[in-house]
Protein backbone atom coordinates (compact mmCIF):
# COMPACT_ATOMS: atom_id res chain seq x y z
CA UNK A 1 142.38 100.97 114.88
CA UNK A 2 141.29 103.09 111.91
CA UNK A 3 143.59 104.50 109.25
CA UNK A 4 142.79 107.96 110.60
CA UNK A 5 143.91 106.97 114.09
CA UNK A 6 147.06 105.44 112.63
CA UNK A 7 147.84 108.72 110.93
CA UNK A 8 147.24 110.66 114.13
CA UNK A 9 149.57 108.48 116.21
CA UNK A 10 152.27 108.77 113.54
CA UNK A 11 152.15 112.57 113.50
CA UNK A 12 154.85 113.11 116.15
CA UNK A 13 157.20 110.90 114.13
CA UNK A 14 156.77 113.00 110.99
CA UNK A 15 156.18 116.24 112.78
CA UNK A 16 158.33 118.62 110.82
CA UNK A 17 158.95 119.34 107.19
CA UNK A 18 161.35 122.06 106.10
CA UNK A 19 160.46 124.46 103.32
CA UNK A 20 163.25 126.79 102.20
CA UNK A 21 162.31 130.04 100.48
CA UNK A 22 165.31 131.99 99.24
CA UNK A 23 167.05 131.41 102.56
CA UNK A 24 170.52 130.95 101.11
CA UNK A 25 170.58 127.37 102.41
CA UNK A 26 171.01 124.36 100.18
CA UNK A 27 167.73 122.39 100.03
CA UNK A 28 169.74 119.16 100.16
CA UNK A 29 171.20 120.05 103.55
CA UNK A 30 170.12 117.42 106.07
CA UNK A 31 168.29 118.13 109.31
CA UNK A 32 171.20 116.59 111.21
CA UNK A 33 173.67 119.02 109.68
CA UNK A 34 171.35 121.93 110.44
CA UNK A 35 171.08 120.91 114.06
CA UNK A 36 174.84 120.52 114.31
CA UNK A 37 175.42 123.92 112.75
CA UNK A 38 173.08 125.63 115.21
CA UNK A 39 174.64 123.79 118.13
CA UNK A 40 177.90 125.56 117.25
CA UNK A 41 176.62 129.10 116.85
CA UNK A 42 179.92 130.88 117.38
CA UNK A 43 181.37 129.80 114.07
CA UNK A 44 182.30 132.84 112.00
CA UNK A 45 179.83 132.04 109.24
CA UNK A 46 176.99 131.70 111.75
CA UNK A 47 177.78 135.04 113.34
CA UNK A 48 177.80 136.67 109.91
CA UNK A 49 174.51 135.02 109.00
CA UNK A 50 172.65 136.39 112.00
CA UNK A 51 174.44 139.72 112.27
CA UNK A 52 171.90 142.49 112.44
CA UNK A 53 168.93 140.22 113.26
CA UNK A 54 170.02 138.76 116.59
CA UNK A 55 168.72 141.63 118.69
CA UNK A 56 165.06 141.75 119.73
CA UNK A 57 163.01 143.79 117.29
CA UNK A 58 159.37 144.73 117.84
CA UNK A 59 156.86 144.86 115.02
CA UNK A 60 153.16 145.62 115.29
CA UNK A 61 150.67 144.24 112.79
CA UNK A 62 147.51 146.29 112.20
CA UNK A 63 144.17 144.97 110.99
CA UNK A 64 141.46 147.55 110.44
CA UNK A 65 143.34 149.98 112.65
CA UNK A 66 143.76 147.56 115.58
CA UNK A 67 147.11 146.25 116.74
CA UNK A 68 146.67 142.49 116.73
CA UNK A 69 150.16 141.12 117.19
CA UNK A 70 153.30 142.29 118.91
CA UNK A 71 156.22 140.35 117.49
CA UNK A 72 159.35 140.22 119.59
CA UNK A 73 161.70 137.27 119.50
CA UNK A 74 165.27 136.14 119.89
CA UNK A 75 166.48 136.58 116.32
CA UNK A 76 163.58 138.40 114.74
CA UNK A 77 161.86 135.08 114.14
CA UNK A 78 158.39 134.03 115.22
CA UNK A 79 156.44 130.81 115.66
CA UNK A 80 153.12 131.58 114.01
CA UNK A 81 150.27 129.92 112.09
CA UNK A 82 149.59 130.14 108.38
CA UNK A 83 146.16 130.58 106.80
CA UNK A 84 145.42 126.88 107.17
CA UNK A 85 146.59 126.83 110.80
CA UNK A 86 149.82 124.99 110.11
CA UNK A 87 152.46 126.01 112.70
CA UNK A 88 155.34 127.81 110.97
CA UNK A 89 158.62 129.50 111.77
CA UNK A 90 158.87 132.85 109.99
CA UNK A 91 161.37 135.68 110.02
CA UNK A 92 158.64 137.92 111.52
CA UNK A 93 159.23 140.76 109.12
CA UNK A 94 156.38 142.97 108.04
CA UNK A 95 157.77 142.94 104.48
CA UNK A 96 159.48 140.11 102.63
CA UNK A 97 158.30 137.54 105.19
CA UNK A 98 159.90 134.13 104.74
CA UNK A 99 158.81 130.73 106.06
CA UNK A 100 161.73 128.60 107.24
CA UNK A 101 159.88 125.66 108.74
CA UNK A 102 156.37 124.25 108.46
CA UNK A 103 154.87 121.59 110.72
CA UNK A 104 153.30 118.52 109.13
CA UNK A 105 149.98 118.95 110.94
CA UNK A 106 147.26 121.59 111.04
CA UNK A 107 145.40 122.80 114.10
CA UNK A 108 142.38 122.94 111.81
CA UNK A 109 142.39 119.16 111.27
CA UNK A 110 138.95 118.03 112.49
CA UNK A 111 140.05 114.40 112.54
CA UNK A 112 142.69 115.04 115.18
CA UNK A 113 141.95 115.21 118.91
CA UNK A 114 142.50 118.62 120.53
CA UNK A 115 144.82 117.10 123.14
CA UNK A 116 146.93 115.50 120.40
CA UNK A 117 147.13 118.86 118.65
CA UNK A 118 148.49 120.46 121.82
CA UNK A 119 151.10 117.70 122.16
CA UNK A 120 152.19 118.02 118.52
CA UNK A 121 152.32 121.81 118.74
CA UNK A 122 154.50 121.56 121.83
CA UNK A 123 156.85 119.13 120.07
CA UNK A 124 157.10 121.44 117.07
CA UNK A 125 157.90 124.46 119.27
CA UNK A 126 160.57 122.46 121.07
CA UNK A 127 162.05 121.40 117.73
CA UNK A 128 162.23 125.03 116.59
CA UNK A 129 163.93 126.15 119.81
CA UNK A 130 166.54 123.39 119.68
CA UNK A 131 167.21 123.87 115.97
CA UNK A 132 166.99 127.61 115.41
CA UNK A 133 167.26 129.64 118.61
CA UNK A 134 170.59 131.20 119.53
CA UNK A 135 172.06 130.14 122.89
CA UNK A 136 170.30 131.80 125.80
CA UNK A 137 167.58 133.21 123.55
CA UNK A 138 164.02 132.08 122.83
CA UNK A 139 161.91 132.26 119.68
CA UNK A 140 158.54 133.60 120.78
CA UNK A 141 154.98 132.55 119.94
CA UNK A 142 152.52 134.82 118.18
CA UNK A 143 149.24 135.85 119.75
CA UNK A 144 147.50 133.76 117.09
CA UNK A 145 149.27 130.64 118.39
CA UNK A 146 148.40 131.45 122.00
CA UNK A 147 144.74 131.99 121.12
CA UNK A 148 144.65 128.56 119.47
CA UNK A 149 146.28 126.99 122.55
CA UNK A 150 143.47 128.42 124.66
CA UNK A 151 140.85 127.20 122.19
CA UNK A 152 142.23 123.65 122.17
CA UNK A 153 142.41 123.65 125.98
CA UNK A 154 138.76 124.72 126.14
CA UNK A 155 137.61 121.75 124.06
CA UNK A 156 139.50 119.40 126.41
CA UNK A 157 138.23 121.28 129.49
CA UNK A 158 141.80 121.66 130.73
CA UNK A 159 142.56 124.06 133.56
CA UNK A 160 144.63 126.87 132.01
CA UNK A 161 146.63 129.75 133.45
CA UNK A 162 148.30 132.63 131.67
CA UNK A 163 151.42 133.55 133.60
CA UNK A 164 153.92 136.39 133.75
CA UNK A 165 156.65 134.73 135.78
CA UNK A 166 160.14 135.47 136.98
CA UNK A 167 163.13 133.25 137.63
CA UNK A 168 166.34 135.05 138.46
CA UNK A 169 166.99 137.53 135.68
CA UNK A 170 164.53 135.83 133.32
CA UNK A 171 161.02 137.14 132.71
CA UNK A 172 158.80 134.40 131.32
CA UNK A 173 155.38 134.56 129.68
CA UNK A 174 153.65 131.19 129.63
CA UNK A 175 150.44 129.26 129.17
CA UNK A 176 150.45 126.67 131.94
CA UNK A 177 148.28 123.63 132.63
CA UNK A 178 148.67 123.20 136.42
CA UNK A 179 146.98 119.79 136.57
CA UNK A 180 148.81 118.22 133.64
CA UNK A 181 152.38 117.19 132.99
CA UNK A 182 154.22 118.04 129.78
CA UNK A 183 151.62 120.48 128.48
CA UNK A 184 153.03 123.92 129.38
CA UNK A 185 153.89 126.43 126.65
CA UNK A 186 156.49 129.15 127.10
CA UNK A 187 155.32 132.14 125.05
CA UNK A 188 158.49 134.18 125.34
CA UNK A 189 161.47 134.85 127.60
CA UNK A 190 163.16 138.20 128.24
CA UNK A 191 166.05 139.43 130.35
CA UNK A 192 165.04 141.82 133.10
CA UNK A 193 168.08 144.08 132.84
CA UNK A 194 168.62 144.03 129.10
CA UNK A 195 170.23 147.41 128.28
CA UNK A 196 168.95 147.24 124.70
CA UNK A 197 165.32 146.32 125.29
CA UNK A 198 162.73 147.11 127.97
CA UNK A 199 160.33 144.14 128.05
CA UNK A 200 157.71 145.62 130.37
CA UNK A 201 155.67 147.59 127.79
CA UNK A 202 155.40 144.43 125.70
CA UNK A 203 154.41 142.34 128.73
CA UNK A 204 151.71 144.91 129.48
CA UNK A 205 150.32 144.44 125.97
CA UNK A 206 150.33 140.68 126.43
CA UNK A 207 148.47 141.11 129.73
CA UNK A 208 145.82 143.07 127.82
CA UNK A 209 145.65 140.23 125.30
CA UNK A 210 145.30 137.61 128.06
CA UNK A 211 142.46 139.64 129.56
CA UNK A 212 140.66 139.75 126.24
CA UNK A 213 140.67 135.95 126.02
CA UNK A 214 139.54 135.57 129.64
CA UNK A 215 136.67 137.98 128.98
CA UNK A 216 135.59 136.13 125.82
CA UNK A 217 135.19 132.79 127.63
CA UNK A 218 134.06 134.09 131.03
CA UNK A 219 130.53 132.65 130.76
CA UNK A 220 131.77 129.18 129.80
CA UNK A 221 135.20 128.68 131.29
CA UNK A 222 137.64 130.20 133.77
CA UNK A 223 141.24 131.09 132.96
CA UNK A 224 143.43 132.53 135.70
CA UNK A 225 146.04 135.19 135.06
CA UNK A 226 148.98 134.89 137.46
CA UNK A 227 151.57 137.69 137.64
CA UNK A 228 154.79 137.86 139.61
CA UNK A 229 154.67 140.70 142.14
CA UNK A 230 157.72 142.55 140.82
CA UNK A 231 156.39 142.35 137.25
CA UNK A 232 152.97 143.54 138.42
CA UNK A 233 154.57 146.62 139.95
CA UNK A 234 156.30 147.45 136.67
CA UNK A 235 153.22 147.01 134.45
CA UNK A 236 150.70 148.55 136.84
CA UNK A 237 148.43 145.65 137.75
CA UNK A 238 149.45 145.11 141.38
CA UNK A 239 146.01 146.03 142.75
CA UNK A 240 143.85 144.68 139.92
CA UNK A 241 141.15 142.19 140.90
CA UNK A 242 141.38 140.09 137.75
CA UNK A 243 144.96 138.90 138.29
CA UNK A 244 146.51 136.67 140.93
CA UNK A 245 149.69 138.20 142.36
CA UNK A 246 152.46 135.88 143.53
CA UNK A 247 155.90 136.50 144.99
CA UNK A 248 157.03 132.91 144.48
CA UNK A 249 159.81 132.33 141.98
CA UNK A 250 158.62 130.07 139.18
CA UNK A 251 159.77 126.49 138.84
CA UNK A 252 161.53 125.50 135.62
CA UNK A 253 159.11 124.83 132.76
CA UNK A 254 159.40 121.27 131.46
CA UNK A 255 159.04 122.38 127.85
CA UNK A 256 162.38 124.24 127.84
């Protein structure tokens, strides 16, 4: 086995490095203490720390006049990619953006297999959810991350579906690999009857984004878009030919 292969197999074991930028947290604080602190989120100091940023907030990023990213997450945080395609957790603010966590691998690494990149990305996302997300809330993925997931799946010739699913009161956006185990990615989760936020306009924008990817690869590869019937009614795609409508309630995603 080559040194490069050794490094690749060790990646999951050294998956995450933390980089603190003016976050008010001691750099000597251990990962274990961080995890413990976020497992007890109702402590007074935790409530004070997240007060004002725990509600979903939507931000649109514009590049040359085009909206390229709709950022909506559980505590105004976002799992994104930096310039070198390292997965990061940011505070998702248009100004004064901070990076709270950086993965130890890059999706741009040409010496790493595309399937291994998907596995490592999934592990990093799971780490972020377990460490940072407030109970019952989910830190969403950026459109940049989802585009890279599709690109990596293409190089492995994996069957991929973009899904707008429903389970009880939860509305789930996901990238699913129906023929593989332990590969699914939950993009974001919303509550259907949230009095403070209507998720359907955002889901409609994500549907438009999914369609753009499907159109780009149409001559080389097929990606299905599957939409729950009740969601399709709300976002106006019930009779569209390019989506598969289902009335089945989704099964639990293994990545949660």
